[in-house]
Every structure is written in C-alpha cells, then in structure tokens.
Amino acid sequence: MNDSADSLPDCHAELDTTGLYCPEPIMLMHNKVRDMQAGEVLKVVATDPATTRDVPKFCGFLGHELIHQCERADQYLYFIRLG
C-alpha cells in the first residue's frame, strides 16, 4: 500500500462519501462493490477520520486489497481492488 498522494491509481468507479460519518461510508461501499467485478478498482473519497480504521477492516474482512491510501487536505482517498 502506498501512502504517497503524488500518483494515484486508475479506477473503474468512484464513491464520494464526503460529509458522511460512520457507518454510512462503509454501508455505501458495500452497496457499490455489489455492482462491480473482481479485479476492478474502486476509489473512495471520505472526510470521516474513522474511515482510516474502517476501510482497511472492510477490505480485510471481505477479501479486497487496499492498494492505495492517502490524505489530501481534509479528505481521505482509498483505492480498493476487489477480490
């Protein structure tokens, strides 16, 4: 996992959870990945600091790979390759 914000991975879909707080970002992620295929990459944009704990747990529990995570200004960016 790369924490640098210089070069971001390509993604197949994006989910903006800006302004939402736990558990909403994770619930929306569950819904979004249902519409995607294994191997595709989902970009998640969040402002809830709890996502720094919740997104890695989400990935580990469901067998997805967190390939990139970074923080820009007041946003957290996650790139998840679906398992």
C-alpha atoms as a PDB file:
ATOM      1  CA  MET A   1       0.000   0.000   0.000  1.00  0.00           C
ATOM      2  CA  ASN A   2       1.349   3.381  -1.000  1.00  0.00           C
ATOM      3  CA  ASP A   3       0.714   6.435   1.182  1.00  0.00           C
ATOM      4  CA  SER A   4       2.029   8.970  -1.353  1.00  0.00           C
ATOM      5  CA  ALA A   5      -0.556  11.234  -2.978  1.00  0.00           C
ATOM      6  CA  ASP A   6       1.699  12.069  -5.957  1.00  0.00           C
ATOM      7  CA  SER A   7       0.455   9.450  -8.427  1.00  0.00           C
ATOM      8  CA  LEU A   8      -2.939   7.916  -7.935  1.00  0.00           C
ATOM      9  CA  PRO A   9      -4.015   4.544  -9.355  1.00  0.00           C
ATOM     10  CA  ASP A  10      -6.575   4.281 -12.137  1.00  0.00           C
ATOM     11  CA  CYS A  11     -10.061   3.321 -11.027  1.00  0.00           C
ATOM     12  CA  HIS A  12     -13.178   1.806 -12.581  1.00  0.00           C
ATOM     13  CA  ALA A  13     -15.644   3.529 -10.249  1.00  0.00           C
ATOM     14  CA  GLU A  14     -15.680   6.293  -7.652  1.00  0.00           C
ATOM     15  CA  LEU A  15     -17.689   6.670  -4.469  1.00  0.00           C
ATOM     16  CA  ASP A  16     -17.849  10.091  -2.792  1.00  0.00           C
ATOM     17  CA  THR A  17     -18.792   9.831   0.881  1.00  0.00           C
ATOM     18  CA  THR A  18     -17.805  13.404   1.711  1.00  0.00           C
ATOM     19  CA  GLY A  19     -19.711  14.708   4.720  1.00  0.00           C
ATOM     20  CA  LEU A  20     -20.934  11.278   5.810  1.00  0.00           C
ATOM     21  CA  TYR A  21     -19.996   9.642   9.103  1.00  0.00           C
ATOM     22  CA  CYS A  22     -19.765   6.082  10.359  1.00  0.00           C
ATOM     23  CA  PRO A  23     -21.426   3.788   9.447  1.00  0.00           C
ATOM     24  CA  GLU A  24     -22.649   5.427   6.208  1.00  0.00           C
ATOM     25  CA  PRO A  25     -19.368   5.336   4.202  1.00  0.00           C
ATOM     26  CA  ILE A  26     -18.966   1.594   4.796  1.00  0.00           C
ATOM     27  CA  MET A  27     -22.629   0.879   4.048  1.00  0.00           C
ATOM     28  CA  LEU A  28     -22.331   2.747   0.734  1.00  0.00           C
ATOM     29  CA  MET A  29     -19.120   0.849  -0.066  1.00  0.00           C
ATOM     30  CA  HIS A  30     -20.942  -2.459   0.488  1.00  0.00           C
ATOM     31  CA  ASN A  31     -23.625  -1.387  -1.990  1.00  0.00           C
ATOM     32  CA  LYS A  32     -21.128  -0.092  -4.563  1.00  0.00           C
ATOM     33  CA  VAL A  33     -18.929  -3.218  -4.672  1.00  0.00           C
ATOM     34  CA  ARG A  34     -22.007  -5.362  -5.379  1.00  0.00           C
ATOM     35  CA  ASP A  35     -22.212  -3.661  -8.789  1.00  0.00           C
ATOM     36  CA  MET A  36     -18.535  -4.251  -9.586  1.00  0.00           C
ATOM     37  CA  GLN A  37     -16.442  -7.211 -10.765  1.00  0.00           C
ATOM     38  CA  ALA A  38     -13.438  -8.859  -9.094  1.00  0.00           C
ATOM     39  CA  GLY A  39     -10.219  -7.101 -10.097  1.00  0.00           C
ATOM     40  CA  GLU A  40     -11.858  -3.718 -10.628  1.00  0.00           C
ATOM     41  CA  VAL A  41     -10.651  -0.748  -8.584  1.00  0.00           C
ATOM     42  CA  LEU A  42     -12.967   1.449  -6.520  1.00  0.00           C
ATOM     43  CA  LYS A  43     -11.878   4.938  -5.477  1.00  0.00           C
ATOM     44  CA  VAL A  44     -13.464   6.133  -2.232  1.00  0.00           C
ATOM     45  CA  VAL A  45     -13.356   9.760  -1.110  1.00  0.00           C
ATOM     46  CA  ALA A  46     -14.168  10.356   2.553  1.00  0.00           C
ATOM     47  CA  THR A  47     -13.979  13.055   5.202  1.00  0.00           C
ATOM     48  CA  ASP A  48     -14.713  10.885   8.254  1.00  0.00           C
ATOM     49  CA  PRO A  49     -11.457  10.144  10.124  1.00  0.00           C
ATOM     50  CA  ALA A  50     -12.973   6.830  11.265  1.00  0.00           C
ATOM     51  CA  THR A  51     -12.558   5.550   7.696  1.00  0.00           C
ATOM     52  CA  THR A  52      -8.803   5.250   8.343  1.00  0.00           C
ATOM     53  CA  ARG A  53      -9.738   2.365  10.640  1.00  0.00           C
ATOM     54  CA  ASP A  54     -12.910   1.125   8.937  1.00  0.00           C
ATOM     55  CA  VAL A  55     -11.787   0.885   5.293  1.00  0.00           C
ATOM     56  CA  PRO A  56      -8.792  -1.417   5.969  1.00  0.00           C
ATOM     57  CA  LYS A  57     -11.026  -3.632   8.135  1.00  0.00           C
ATOM     58  CA  PHE A  58     -13.684  -3.668   5.397  1.00  0.00           C
ATOM     59  CA  CYS A  59     -11.071  -4.793   2.870  1.00  0.00           C
ATOM     60  CA  GLY A  60      -9.593  -7.466   5.121  1.00  0.00           C
ATOM     61  CA  PHE A  61     -12.959  -8.880   6.106  1.00  0.00           C
ATOM     62  CA  LEU A  62     -14.281  -9.081   2.526  1.00  0.00           C
ATOM     63  CA  GLY A  63     -11.050 -10.124   0.785  1.00  0.00           C
ATOM     64  CA  HIS A  64     -10.428  -6.878  -1.099  1.00  0.00           C
ATOM     65  CA  GLU A  65      -6.990  -5.275  -1.479  1.00  0.00           C
ATOM     66  CA  LEU A  66      -6.393  -1.731  -0.268  1.00  0.00           C
ATOM     67  CA  ILE A  67      -3.865  -0.735  -2.931  1.00  0.00           C
ATOM     68  CA  HIS A  68      -3.518   2.960  -2.075  1.00  0.00           C
ATOM     69  CA  GLN A  69      -4.478   5.212   0.814  1.00  0.00           C
ATOM     70  CA  CYS A  70      -3.645   8.877   1.294  1.00  0.00           C
ATOM     71  CA  GLU A  71      -4.877  12.085   2.860  1.00  0.00           C
ATOM     72  CA  ARG A  72      -5.290  15.338   0.917  1.00  0.00           C
ATOM     73  CA  ALA A  73      -6.324  18.457   2.784  1.00  0.00           C
ATOM     74  CA  ASP A  74      -9.467  17.371   4.662  1.00  0.00           C
ATOM     75  CA  GLN A  75     -10.158  14.280   2.516  1.00  0.00           C
ATOM     76  CA  TYR A  76      -9.107  10.655   2.744  1.00  0.00           C
ATOM     77  CA  LEU A  77      -8.643   8.761  -0.519  1.00  0.00           C
ATOM     78  CA  TYR A  78      -8.775   4.969  -0.793  1.00  0.00           C
ATOM     79  CA  PHE A  79      -8.227   2.758  -3.828  1.00  0.00           C
ATOM     80  CA  ILE A  80      -9.574  -0.765  -3.374  1.00  0.00           C
ATOM     81  CA  ARG A  81      -9.049  -3.675  -5.774  1.00  0.00           C
ATOM     82  CA  LEU A  82     -11.992  -6.019  -5.428  1.00  0.00           C
ATOM     83  CA  GLY A  83     -11.212  -9.607  -4.570  1.00  0.00           C
END
